[in-house]
PDB file of all heavy atoms in Angstrom:
ATOM      1  N   ALA A   1     -21.227 -50.248 -96.191  1.00  0.00           N
ATOM      2  CA  ALA A   1     -21.458 -49.345 -97.317  1.00  0.00           C
ATOM      3  C   ALA A   1     -22.710 -48.515 -97.083  1.00  0.00           C
ATOM      4  O   ALA A   1     -23.668 -48.960 -96.455  1.00  0.00           O
ATOM      5  CB  ALA A   1     -21.595 -50.142 -98.613  1.00  0.00           C
ATOM      6  N   LEU A   2     -22.670 -47.301 -97.600  1.00  0.00           N
ATOM      7  CA  LEU A   2     -23.820 -46.398 -97.603  1.00  0.00           C
ATOM      8  C   LEU A   2     -24.054 -46.029 -99.059  1.00  0.00           C
ATOM      9  O   LEU A   2     -23.288 -45.242 -99.626  1.00  0.00           O
ATOM     10  CB  LEU A   2     -23.530 -45.150 -96.769  1.00  0.00           C
ATOM     11  CG  LEU A   2     -24.652 -44.120 -96.615  1.00  0.00           C
ATOM     12  CD1 LEU A   2     -25.833 -44.712 -95.872  1.00  0.00           C
ATOM     13  CD2 LEU A   2     -24.150 -42.887 -95.876  1.00  0.00           C
ATOM     14  N   PRO A   3     -25.068 -46.607 -99.715  1.00  0.00           N
ATOM     15  CA  PRO A   3     -25.258 -46.388-101.152  1.00  0.00           C
ATOM     16  C   PRO A   3     -25.428 -44.913-101.500  1.00  0.00           C
ATOM     17  O   PRO A   3     -25.960 -44.131-100.715  1.00  0.00           O
ATOM     18  CB  PRO A   3     -26.538 -47.188-101.460  1.00  0.00           C
ATOM     19  CG  PRO A   3     -26.645 -48.182-100.353  1.00  0.00           C
ATOM     20  CD  PRO A   3     -26.083 -47.513 -99.144  1.00  0.00           C
ATOM     21  N   ARG A   4     -24.979 -44.551-102.684  1.00  0.00           N
ATOM     22  CA  ARG A   4     -25.155 -43.187-103.158  1.00  0.00           C
ATOM     23  C   ARG A   4     -26.648 -42.829-103.182  1.00  0.00           C
ATOM     24  O   ARG A   4     -27.467 -43.575-103.691  1.00  0.00           O
ATOM     25  CB  ARG A   4     -24.574 -43.046-104.567  1.00  0.00           C
ATOM     26  CG  ARG A   4     -24.593 -41.629-105.128  1.00  0.00           C
ATOM     27  CD  ARG A   4     -24.045 -41.606-106.542  1.00  0.00           C
ATOM     28  NE  ARG A   4     -22.661 -42.051-106.591  1.00  0.00           N
ATOM     29  CZ  ARG A   4     -21.609 -41.249-106.400  1.00  0.00           C
ATOM     30  NH1 ARG A   4     -21.815 -39.953-106.158  1.00  0.00           N
ATOM     31  NH2 ARG A   4     -20.382 -41.730-106.467  1.00  0.00           N
ATOM     32  N   GLY A   5     -27.000 -41.703-102.603  1.00  0.00           N
ATOM     33  CA  GLY A   5     -28.384 -41.262-102.590  1.00  0.00           C
ATOM     34  C   GLY A   5     -29.250 -41.934-101.542  1.00  0.00           C
ATOM     35  O   GLY A   5     -30.464 -41.716-101.509  1.00  0.00           O
ATOM     36  N   ALA A   6     -28.650 -42.737-100.648  1.00  0.00           N
ATOM     37  CA  ALA A   6     -29.442 -43.473 -99.654  1.00  0.00           C
ATOM     38  C   ALA A   6     -30.224 -42.548 -98.745  1.00  0.00           C
ATOM     39  O   ALA A   6     -31.298 -42.913 -98.252  1.00  0.00           O
ATOM     40  CB  ALA A   6     -28.528 -44.372 -98.822  1.00  0.00           C
ATOM     41  N   LEU A   7     -29.705 -41.334 -98.494  1.00  0.00           N
ATOM     42  CA  LEU A   7     -30.334 -40.413 -97.543  1.00  0.00           C
ATOM     43  C   LEU A   7     -31.117 -39.299 -98.240  1.00  0.00           C
ATOM     44  O   LEU A   7     -31.647 -38.414 -97.562  1.00  0.00           O
ATOM     45  CB  LEU A   7     -29.256 -39.799 -96.635  1.00  0.00           C
ATOM     46  CG  LEU A   7     -28.362 -40.808 -95.902  1.00  0.00           C
ATOM     47  CD1 LEU A   7     -27.254 -40.077 -95.161  1.00  0.00           C
ATOM     48  CD2 LEU A   7     -29.187 -41.646 -94.943  1.00  0.00           C
ATOM     49  N   ALA A   8     -31.189 -39.343 -99.538  1.00  0.00           N
ATOM     50  CA  ALA A   8     -31.891 -38.300-100.285  1.00  0.00           C
ATOM     51  C   ALA A   8     -33.361 -38.258 -99.879  1.00  0.00           C
ATOM     52  O   ALA A   8     -34.014 -39.290 -99.738  1.00  0.00           O
ATOM     53  CB  ALA A   8     -31.768 -38.556-101.782  1.00  0.00           C
ATOM     54  N   GLY A   9     -33.886 -37.069 -99.673  1.00  0.00           N
ATOM     55  CA  GLY A   9     -35.290 -36.912 -99.306  1.00  0.00           C
ATOM     56  C   GLY A   9     -35.541 -36.765 -97.823  1.00  0.00           C
ATOM     57  O   GLY A   9     -36.656 -36.445 -97.414  1.00  0.00           O
ATOM     58  N   LEU A  10     -34.507 -36.982 -96.998  1.00  0.00           N
ATOM     59  CA  LEU A  10     -34.682 -36.850 -95.543  1.00  0.00           C
ATOM     60  C   LEU A  10     -34.433 -35.392 -95.141  1.00  0.00           C
ATOM     61  O   LEU A  10     -33.471 -35.056 -94.451  1.00  0.00           O
ATOM     62  CB  LEU A  10     -33.719 -37.782 -94.804  1.00  0.00           C
ATOM     63  CG  LEU A  10     -33.902 -39.276 -95.064  1.00  0.00           C
ATOM     64  CD1 LEU A  10     -32.885 -40.090 -94.276  1.00  0.00           C
ATOM     65  CD2 LEU A  10     -35.322 -39.721 -94.714  1.00  0.00           C
ATOM     66  N   ARG A  11     -35.325 -34.530 -95.547  1.00  0.00           N
ATOM     67  CA  ARG A  11     -35.117 -33.096 -95.391  1.00  0.00           C
ATOM     68  C   ARG A  11     -35.333 -32.618 -93.955  1.00  0.00           C
ATOM     69  O   ARG A  11     -34.997 -31.490 -93.615  1.00  0.00           O
ATOM     70  CB  ARG A  11     -36.022 -32.313 -96.356  1.00  0.00           C
ATOM     71  CG  ARG A  11     -35.766 -32.652 -97.820  1.00  0.00           C
ATOM     72  CD  ARG A  11     -36.504 -31.711 -98.759  1.00  0.00           C
ATOM     73  NE  ARG A  11     -36.042 -30.337 -98.623  1.00  0.00           N
ATOM     74  CZ  ARG A  11     -34.932 -29.857 -99.179  1.00  0.00           C
ATOM     75  NH1 ARG A  11     -34.160 -30.633 -99.912  1.00  0.00           N
ATOM     76  NH2 ARG A  11     -34.581 -28.587 -99.002  1.00  0.00           N
ATOM     77  N   GLU A  12     -35.894 -33.467 -93.093  1.00  0.00           N
ATOM     78  CA  GLU A  12     -36.085 -33.107 -91.685  1.00  0.00           C
ATOM     79  C   GLU A  12     -35.047 -33.750 -90.771  1.00  0.00           C
ATOM     80  O   GLU A  12     -35.050 -33.502 -89.565  1.00  0.00           O
ATOM     81  CB  GLU A  12     -37.490 -33.531 -91.222  1.00  0.00           C
ATOM     82  CG  GLU A  12     -38.643 -32.903 -92.000  1.00  0.00           C
ATOM     83  CD  GLU A  12     -38.674 -31.383 -91.836  1.00  0.00           C
ATOM     84  OE1 GLU A  12     -38.362 -30.905 -90.734  1.00  0.00           O
ATOM     85  OE2 GLU A  12     -38.976 -30.690 -92.821  1.00  0.00           O
ATOM     86  N   LEU A  13     -34.140 -34.563 -91.341  1.00  0.00           N
ATOM     87  CA  LEU A  13     -33.186 -35.301 -90.523  1.00  0.00           C
ATOM     88  C   LEU A  13     -32.213 -34.349 -89.835  1.00  0.00           C
ATOM     89  O   LEU A  13     -31.529 -33.558 -90.482  1.00  0.00           O
ATOM     90  CB  LEU A  13     -32.407 -36.296 -91.383  1.00  0.00           C
ATOM     91  CG  LEU A  13     -31.592 -37.326 -90.601  1.00  0.00           C
ATOM     92  CD1 LEU A  13     -32.511 -38.292 -89.859  1.00  0.00           C
ATOM     93  CD2 LEU A  13     -30.654 -38.110 -91.524  1.00  0.00           C
ATOM     94  N   ARG A  14     -32.160 -34.448 -88.506  1.00  0.00           N
ATOM     95  CA  ARG A  14     -31.311 -33.560 -87.705  1.00  0.00           C
ATOM     96  C   ARG A  14     -30.109 -34.270 -87.111  1.00  0.00           C
ATOM     97  O   ARG A  14     -29.078 -33.648 -86.896  1.00  0.00           O
ATOM     98  CB  ARG A  14     -32.144 -32.954 -86.564  1.00  0.00           C
ATOM     99  CG  ARG A  14     -33.327 -32.131 -87.040  1.00  0.00           C
ATOM    100  CD  ARG A  14     -34.152 -31.643 -85.857  1.00  0.00           C
ATOM    101  NE  ARG A  14     -35.373 -30.982 -86.294  1.00  0.00           N
ATOM    102  CZ  ARG A  14     -36.333 -30.572 -85.473  1.00  0.00           C
ATOM    103  NH1 ARG A  14     -36.197 -30.750 -84.165  1.00  0.00           N
ATOM    104  NH2 ARG A  14     -37.410 -29.993 -85.934  1.00  0.00           N
ATOM    105  N   SER A  15     -30.250 -35.548 -86.803  1.00  0.00           N
ATOM    106  CA  SER A  15     -29.172 -36.274 -86.131  1.00  0.00           C
ATOM    107  C   SER A  15     -28.974 -37.632 -86.801  1.00  0.00           C
ATOM    108  O   SER A  15     -29.933 -38.398 -86.944  1.00  0.00           O
ATOM    109  CB  SER A  15     -29.497 -36.452 -84.643  1.00  0.00           C
ATOM    110  OG  SER A  15     -28.440 -37.089 -83.965  1.00  0.00           O
ATOM    111  N   LEU A  16     -27.747 -37.909 -87.223  1.00  0.00           N
ATOM    112  CA  LEU A  16     -27.429 -39.152 -87.928  1.00  0.00           C
ATOM    113  C   LEU A  16     -26.236 -39.814 -87.250  1.00  0.00           C
ATOM    114  O   LEU A  16     -25.164 -39.222 -87.145  1.00  0.00           O
ATOM    115  CB  LEU A  16     -27.111 -38.845 -89.395  1.00  0.00           C
ATOM    116  CG  LEU A  16     -26.657 -40.023 -90.262  1.00  0.00           C
ATOM    117  CD1 LEU A  16     -27.736 -41.109 -90.333  1.00  0.00           C
ATOM    118  CD2 LEU A  16     -26.295 -39.532 -91.668  1.00  0.00           C
ATOM    119  N   TRP A  17     -26.432 -41.044 -86.790  1.00  0.00           N
ATOM    120  CA  TRP A  17     -25.391 -41.800 -86.094  1.00  0.00           C
ATOM    121  C   TRP A  17     -24.973 -42.993 -86.956  1.00  0.00           C
ATOM    122  O   TRP A  17     -25.740 -43.933 -87.149  1.00  0.00           O
ATOM    123  CB  TRP A  17     -25.896 -42.322 -84.748  1.00  0.00           C
ATOM    124  CG  TRP A  17     -26.301 -41.271 -83.749  1.00  0.00           C
ATOM    125  CD1 TRP A  17     -26.698 -39.989 -84.008  1.00  0.00           C
ATOM    126  CD2 TRP A  17     -26.352 -41.423 -82.330  1.00  0.00           C
ATOM    127  NE1 TRP A  17     -27.002 -39.341 -82.844  1.00  0.00           N
ATOM    128  CE2 TRP A  17     -26.796 -40.187 -81.791  1.00  0.00           C
ATOM    129  CE3 TRP A  17     -26.069 -42.478 -81.463  1.00  0.00           C
ATOM    130  CZ2 TRP A  17     -26.969 -39.986 -80.421  1.00  0.00           C
ATOM    131  CZ3 TRP A  17     -26.241 -42.285 -80.106  1.00  0.00           C
ATOM    132  CH2 TRP A  17     -26.680 -41.052 -79.591  1.00  0.00           C
ATOM    133  N   LEU A  18     -23.741 -42.929 -87.463  1.00  0.00           N
ATOM    134  CA  LEU A  18     -23.185 -44.015 -88.264  1.00  0.00           C
ATOM    135  C   LEU A  18     -21.869 -44.522 -87.681  1.00  0.00           C
ATOM    136  O   LEU A  18     -21.153 -45.278 -88.337  1.00  0.00           O
ATOM    137  CB  LEU A  18     -22.947 -43.538 -89.709  1.00  0.00           C
ATOM    138  CG  LEU A  18     -24.192 -43.232 -90.529  1.00  0.00           C
ATOM    139  CD1 LEU A  18     -23.819 -42.512 -91.827  1.00  0.00           C
ATOM    140  CD2 LEU A  18     -24.969 -44.506 -90.852  1.00  0.00           C
ATOM    141  N   ASN A  19     -21.542 -44.090 -86.477  1.00  0.00           N
ATOM    142  CA  ASN A  19     -20.282 -44.486 -85.863  1.00  0.00           C
ATOM    143  C   ASN A  19     -20.238 -45.970 -85.517  1.00  0.00           C
ATOM    144  O   ASN A  19     -21.265 -46.636 -85.437  1.00  0.00           O
ATOM    145  CB  ASN A  19     -20.025 -43.665 -84.591  1.00  0.00           C
ATOM    146  CG  ASN A  19     -21.159 -43.773 -83.588  1.00  0.00           C
ATOM    147  OD1 ASN A  19     -22.225 -43.188 -83.782  1.00  0.00           O
ATOM    148  ND2 ASN A  19     -20.956 -44.526 -82.511  1.00  0.00           N
ATOM    149  N   ASP A  20     -19.030 -46.479 -85.338  1.00  0.00           N
ATOM    150  CA  ASP A  20     -18.816 -47.880 -84.956  1.00  0.00           C
ATOM    151  C   ASP A  20     -19.453 -48.847 -85.930  1.00  0.00           C
ATOM    152  O   ASP A  20     -20.229 -49.732 -85.557  1.00  0.00           O
ATOM    153  CB  ASP A  20     -19.311 -48.122 -83.529  1.00  0.00           C
ATOM    154  CG  ASP A  20     -18.474 -47.386 -82.499  1.00  0.00           C
ATOM    155  OD1 ASP A  20     -17.447 -47.934 -82.081  1.00  0.00           O
ATOM    156  OD2 ASP A  20     -18.848 -46.247 -82.130  1.00  0.00           O
ATOM    157  N   ASN A  21     -19.131 -48.648 -87.201  1.00  0.00           N
ATOM    158  CA  ASN A  21     -19.530 -49.582 -88.245  1.00  0.00           C
ATOM    159  C   ASN A  21     -18.285 -50.011 -89.015  1.00  0.00           C
ATOM    160  O   ASN A  21     -17.172 -49.952 -88.470  1.00  0.00           O
ATOM    161  CB  ASN A  21     -20.577 -48.944 -89.166  1.00  0.00           C
ATOM    162  CG  ASN A  21     -21.990 -49.076 -88.625  1.00  0.00           C
ATOM    163  OD1 ASN A  21     -22.574 -50.153 -88.630  1.00  0.00           O
ATOM    164  ND2 ASN A  21     -22.542 -47.969 -88.132  1.00  0.00           N
ATOM    165  N   GLU A  22     -18.441 -50.441 -90.263  1.00  0.00           N
ATOM    166  CA  GLU A  22     -17.313 -50.908 -91.064  1.00  0.00           C
ATOM    167  C   GLU A  22     -17.203 -50.126 -92.367  1.00  0.00           C
ATOM    168  O   GLU A  22     -16.743 -50.640 -93.383  1.00  0.00           O
ATOM    169  CB  GLU A  22     -17.448 -52.409 -91.316  1.00  0.00           C
ATOM    170  CG  GLU A  22     -17.425 -53.227 -90.026  1.00  0.00           C
ATOM    171  CD  GLU A  22     -17.620 -54.720 -90.228  1.00  0.00           C
ATOM    172  OE1 GLU A  22     -17.568 -55.164 -91.397  1.00  0.00           O
ATOM    173  OE2 GLU A  22     -17.820 -55.435 -89.228  1.00  0.00           O
ATOM    174  N   LEU A  23     -17.608 -48.853 -92.328  1.00  0.00           N
ATOM    175  CA  LEU A  23     -17.567 -48.002 -93.513  1.00  0.00           C
ATOM    176  C   LEU A  23     -16.121 -47.685 -93.884  1.00  0.00           C
ATOM    177  O   LEU A  23     -15.327 -47.270 -93.041  1.00  0.00           O
ATOM    178  CB  LEU A  23     -18.329 -46.703 -93.263  1.00  0.00           C
ATOM    179  CG  LEU A  23     -19.817 -46.841 -92.913  1.00  0.00           C
ATOM    180  CD1 LEU A  23     -20.395 -45.493 -92.513  1.00  0.00           C
ATOM    181  CD2 LEU A  23     -20.583 -47.420 -94.100  1.00  0.00           C
ATOM    182  N   THR A  24     -15.791 -47.845 -95.159  1.00  0.00           N
ATOM    183  CA  THR A  24     -14.446 -47.517 -95.637  1.00  0.00           C
ATOM    184  C   THR A  24     -14.446 -46.264 -96.500  1.00  0.00           C
ATOM    185  O   THR A  24     -13.408 -45.612 -96.637  1.00  0.00           O
ATOM    186  CB  THR A  24     -13.849 -48.678 -96.438  1.00  0.00           C
ATOM    187  OG1 THR A  24     -14.714 -48.989 -97.539  1.00  0.00           O
ATOM    188  CG2 THR A  24     -13.689 -49.920 -95.559  1.00  0.00           C
ATOM    189  N   THR A  25     -15.580 -45.923 -97.078  1.00  0.00           N
ATOM    190  CA  THR A  25     -15.658 -44.716 -97.888  1.00  0.00           C
ATOM    191  C   THR A  25     -17.100 -44.232 -97.934  1.00  0.00           C
ATOM    192  O   THR A  25     -18.023 -44.946 -97.494  1.00  0.00           O
ATOM    193  CB  THR A  25     -15.126 -44.966 -99.313  1.00  0.00           C
ATOM    194  OG1 THR A  25     -14.959 -43.706 -99.984  1.00  0.00           O
ATOM    195  CG2 THR A  25     -16.076 -45.852-100.110  1.00  0.00           C
ATOM    196  N   LEU A  26     -17.298 -43.018 -98.436  1.00  0.00           N
ATOM    197  CA  LEU A  26     -18.624 -42.432 -98.585  1.00  0.00           C
ATOM    198  C   LEU A  26     -18.681 -41.709 -99.918  1.00  0.00           C
ATOM    199  O   LEU A  26     -17.703 -41.055-100.311  1.00  0.00           O
ATOM    200  CB  LEU A  26     -18.912 -41.439 -97.447  1.00  0.00           C
ATOM    201  CG  LEU A  26     -19.037 -42.024 -96.039  1.00  0.00           C
ATOM    202  CD1 LEU A  26     -18.970 -40.906 -95.004  1.00  0.00           C
ATOM    203  CD2 LEU A  26     -20.343 -42.803 -95.900  1.00  0.00           C
ATOM    204  N   ALA A  27     -19.800 -41.805-100.602  1.00  0.00           N
ATOM    205  CA  ALA A  27     -19.939 -41.150-101.899  1.00  0.00           C
ATOM    206  C   ALA A  27     -19.961 -39.635-101.730  1.00  0.00           C
ATOM    207  O   ALA A  27     -20.519 -39.119-100.757  1.00  0.00           O
ATOM    208  CB  ALA A  27     -21.218 -41.614-102.593  1.00  0.00           C
TER     209      ALA A  27
END
């Protein structure tokens, strides 16, 4: 799971790797 708003505030984030996990949905 990736909680709603978990990435809020990361205004400089350029690269995000979430592959090869067990995510079934995203908010």
